C-alpha atoms as a PDB file:
ATOM      1  CA  UNK A   1     -22.079   3.408  -4.190  1.00  0.00           C
ATOM      2  CA  UNK A   2     -19.426   1.148  -5.651  1.00  0.00           C
ATOM      3  CA  UNK A   3     -18.673  -2.113  -3.887  1.00  0.00           C
ATOM      4  CA  UNK A   4     -15.772  -4.412  -4.695  1.00  0.00           C
ATOM      5  CA  UNK A   5     -15.727  -8.165  -4.255  1.00  0.00           C
ATOM      6  CA  UNK A   6     -12.487 -10.112  -4.580  1.00  0.00           C
ATOM      7  CA  UNK A   7     -12.227 -13.815  -5.253  1.00  0.00           C
ATOM      8  CA  UNK A   8      -9.696 -16.387  -6.362  1.00  0.00           C
ATOM      9  CA  UNK A   9      -7.454 -16.601  -3.343  1.00  0.00           C
ATOM     10  CA  UNK A  10      -6.394 -19.864  -1.787  1.00  0.00           C
ATOM     11  CA  UNK A  11      -3.555 -22.138  -0.790  1.00  0.00           C
ATOM     12  CA  UNK A  12      -0.952 -22.955  -3.407  1.00  0.00           C
ATOM     13  CA  UNK A  13       2.515 -24.459  -3.416  1.00  0.00           C
ATOM     14  CA  UNK A  14       5.572 -22.424  -4.209  1.00  0.00           C
ATOM     15  CA  UNK A  15       5.856 -22.026  -7.970  1.00  0.00           C
ATOM     16  CA  UNK A  16       2.122 -22.297  -8.485  1.00  0.00           C
ATOM     17  CA  UNK A  17      -0.347 -19.815  -9.927  1.00  0.00           C
ATOM     18  CA  UNK A  18      -3.564 -18.097  -8.924  1.00  0.00           C
ATOM     19  CA  UNK A  19      -5.806 -15.567 -10.612  1.00  0.00           C
ATOM     20  CA  UNK A  20      -7.580 -13.053  -8.445  1.00  0.00           C
ATOM     21  CA  UNK A  21     -10.731 -11.298  -9.581  1.00  0.00           C
ATOM     22  CA  UNK A  22     -12.242  -8.037  -8.405  1.00  0.00           C
ATOM     23  CA  UNK A  23     -15.812  -7.382  -9.512  1.00  0.00           C
ATOM     24  CA  UNK A  24     -17.354  -3.981  -9.024  1.00  0.00           C
ATOM     25  CA  UNK A  25     -21.019  -3.315  -8.413  1.00  0.00           C
ATOM     26  CA  UNK A  26     -22.075   0.178  -9.298  1.00  0.00           C
ATOM     27  CA  UNK A  27     -20.448   2.427 -11.853  1.00  0.00           C
ATOM     28  CA  UNK A  28     -16.727   2.559 -12.419  1.00  0.00           C
ATOM     29  CA  UNK A  29     -15.132   4.351 -15.328  1.00  0.00           C
ATOM     30  CA  UNK A  30     -12.790   1.543 -16.347  1.00  0.00           C
ATOM     31  CA  UNK A  31     -10.902  -1.443 -14.980  1.00  0.00           C
ATOM     32  CA  UNK A  32      -7.847   0.793 -15.386  1.00  0.00           C
ATOM     33  CA  UNK A  33      -9.006   2.505 -12.212  1.00  0.00           C
ATOM     34  CA  UNK A  34      -8.728  -0.711 -10.190  1.00  0.00           C
ATOM     35  CA  UNK A  35      -5.540  -1.548  -8.359  1.00  0.00           C
ATOM     36  CA  UNK A  36      -4.321  -4.365  -6.150  1.00  0.00           C
ATOM     37  CA  UNK A  37      -2.704  -4.156  -2.725  1.00  0.00           C
ATOM     38  CA  UNK A  38      -1.605  -6.774  -0.243  1.00  0.00           C
ATOM     39  CA  UNK A  39      -1.038  -6.898   3.470  1.00  0.00           C
ATOM     40  CA  UNK A  40       0.951  -9.568   5.251  1.00  0.00           C
ATOM     41  CA  UNK A  41       0.541 -10.106   9.013  1.00  0.00           C
ATOM     42  CA  UNK A  42       2.204  -7.345  10.980  1.00  0.00           C
ATOM     43  CA  UNK A  43       3.034  -5.348   7.872  1.00  0.00           C
ATOM     44  CA  UNK A  44       1.552  -2.351   6.126  1.00  0.00           C
ATOM     45  CA  UNK A  45      -0.677  -2.571   3.087  1.00  0.00           C
ATOM     46  CA  UNK A  46       1.399  -2.124  -0.040  1.00  0.00           C
ATOM     47  CA  UNK A  47       0.608  -1.601  -3.703  1.00  0.00           C
ATOM     48  CA  UNK A  48       1.112  -4.704  -5.813  1.00  0.00           C
ATOM     49  CA  UNK A  49      -0.170  -3.588  -9.215  1.00  0.00           C
ATOM     50  CA  UNK A  50      -2.143  -0.811 -10.819  1.00  0.00           C
ATOM     51  CA  UNK A  51      -2.278   1.443 -13.852  1.00  0.00           C
ATOM     52  CA  UNK A  52      -0.906   4.865 -14.556  1.00  0.00           C
ATOM     53  CA  UNK A  53      -3.227   7.583 -15.817  1.00  0.00           C
ATOM     54  CA  UNK A  54      -2.130   6.587 -19.308  1.00  0.00           C
ATOM     55  CA  UNK A  55      -3.169   2.976 -18.857  1.00  0.00           C
ATOM     56  CA  UNK A  56       0.332   1.585 -18.397  1.00  0.00           C
ATOM     57  CA  UNK A  57       0.557  -1.174 -15.813  1.00  0.00           C
ATOM     58  CA  UNK A  58       2.833  -0.647 -12.844  1.00  0.00           C
ATOM     59  CA  UNK A  59       4.076  -3.317 -10.481  1.00  0.00           C
ATOM     60  CA  UNK A  60       5.900  -3.596  -7.202  1.00  0.00           C
ATOM     61  CA  UNK A  61       9.480  -4.638  -7.826  1.00  0.00           C
ATOM     62  CA  UNK A  62       8.938  -7.857  -5.924  1.00  0.00           C
ATOM     63  CA  UNK A  63       6.286  -9.088  -8.378  1.00  0.00           C
ATOM     64  CA  UNK A  64       7.558  -7.789 -11.709  1.00  0.00           C
ATOM     65  CA  UNK A  65       7.729 -10.528 -14.306  1.00  0.00           C
ATOM     66  CA  UNK A  66       5.463 -12.796 -12.261  1.00  0.00           C
ATOM     67  CA  UNK A  67       2.190 -10.892 -11.851  1.00  0.00           C
ATOM     68  CA  UNK A  68      -0.023  -9.403 -14.560  1.00  0.00           C
ATOM     69  CA  UNK A  69      -2.870  -6.958 -14.042  1.00  0.00           C
ATOM     70  CA  UNK A  70      -5.739  -6.805 -16.508  1.00  0.00           C
ATOM     71  CA  UNK A  71      -9.473  -6.394 -16.658  1.00  0.00           C
ATOM     72  CA  UNK A  72     -12.726  -6.563 -18.550  1.00  0.00           C
ATOM     73  CA  UNK A  73     -14.761  -3.382 -18.740  1.00  0.00           C
ATOM     74  CA  UNK A  74     -17.895  -5.182 -19.894  1.00  0.00           C
ATOM     75  CA  UNK A  75     -17.750  -7.347 -16.787  1.00  0.00           C
ATOM     76  CA  UNK A  76     -16.545  -4.483 -14.539  1.00  0.00           C
ATOM     77  CA  UNK A  77     -13.902  -6.875 -13.319  1.00  0.00           C
ATOM     78  CA  UNK A  78     -10.210  -6.556 -12.707  1.00  0.00           C
ATOM     79  CA  UNK A  79      -7.808  -9.450 -12.588  1.00  0.00           C
ATOM     80  CA  UNK A  80      -4.450 -10.180 -11.083  1.00  0.00           C
ATOM     81  CA  UNK A  81      -2.714 -13.191 -12.600  1.00  0.00           C
ATOM     82  CA  UNK A  82      -0.032 -14.423 -10.241  1.00  0.00           C
ATOM     83  CA  UNK A  83       2.541 -16.901 -11.508  1.00  0.00           C
ATOM     84  CA  UNK A  84       5.599 -18.469  -9.910  1.00  0.00           C
ATOM     85  CA  UNK A  85       4.246 -17.693  -6.478  1.00  0.00           C
ATOM     86  CA  UNK A  86       6.635 -17.567  -3.550  1.00  0.00           C
ATOM     87  CA  UNK A  87       6.041 -17.948   0.196  1.00  0.00           C
ATOM     88  CA  UNK A  88       6.732 -14.229   0.612  1.00  0.00           C
ATOM     89  CA  UNK A  89       3.665 -13.521  -1.538  1.00  0.00           C
ATOM     90  CA  UNK A  90       1.494 -14.814   1.301  1.00  0.00           C
ATOM     91  CA  UNK A  91      -0.879 -12.023   2.301  1.00  0.00           C
ATOM     92  CA  UNK A  92      -4.427 -10.766   2.132  1.00  0.00           C
ATOM     93  CA  UNK A  93      -4.928  -9.201  -1.274  1.00  0.00           C
ATOM     94  CA  UNK A  94      -7.228  -6.211  -1.639  1.00  0.00           C
ATOM     95  CA  UNK A  95      -8.787  -4.534  -4.619  1.00  0.00           C
ATOM     96  CA  UNK A  96      -8.999  -0.760  -4.551  1.00  0.00           C
ATOM     97  CA  UNK A  97     -11.027   1.836  -6.436  1.00  0.00           C
ATOM     98  CA  UNK A  98     -10.437   5.427  -5.363  1.00  0.00           C
ATOM     99  CA  UNK A  99     -11.175   5.353  -1.607  1.00  0.00           C
ATOM    100  CA  UNK A 100     -13.106   2.059  -1.726  1.00  0.00           C
ATOM    101  CA  UNK A 101     -11.668  -1.301  -0.674  1.00  0.00           C
ATOM    102  CA  UNK A 102     -12.850  -4.836  -1.139  1.00  0.00           C
ATOM    103  CA  UNK A 103     -13.019  -7.283   1.735  1.00  0.00           C
ATOM    104  CA  UNK A 104      -9.792  -8.978   0.731  1.00  0.00           C
ATOM    105  CA  UNK A 105      -8.910 -12.500  -0.302  1.00  0.00           C
ATOM    106  CA  UNK A 106      -6.286 -14.629   1.402  1.00  0.00           C
ATOM    107  CA  UNK A 107      -3.382 -15.988  -0.609  1.00  0.00           C
ATOM    108  CA  UNK A 108      -1.155 -18.521   1.105  1.00  0.00           C
ATOM    109  CA  UNK A 109       1.918 -19.955  -0.594  1.00  0.00           C
ATOM    110  CA  UNK A 110       3.526 -22.968   1.001  1.00  0.00           C
ATOM    111  CA  UNK A 111       7.185 -23.796   0.558  1.00  0.00           C
END
């Protein structure tokens, strides 16, 4: 049974950066199978970044050019580097693998 644990969230000022990590316990095929979602209060959970079946990164329009998804297969860890953060990026960020979700990590961006 795969479990996902996110870390790296926190409070940051507008324009700042954070790097989120998602570490998997159990067997996953590749960090390319990990994706990131976020959910702001009162809103639905939306995809932020992931990979296509060919390993190409895909991003929500709102984060293109600011966020970068990557990973380390040896560490079974996925990363989401978030630069130039904006208040509208405030949300709980979740890591996803197939039907499995992490517990989420809060990101708060102050103006």
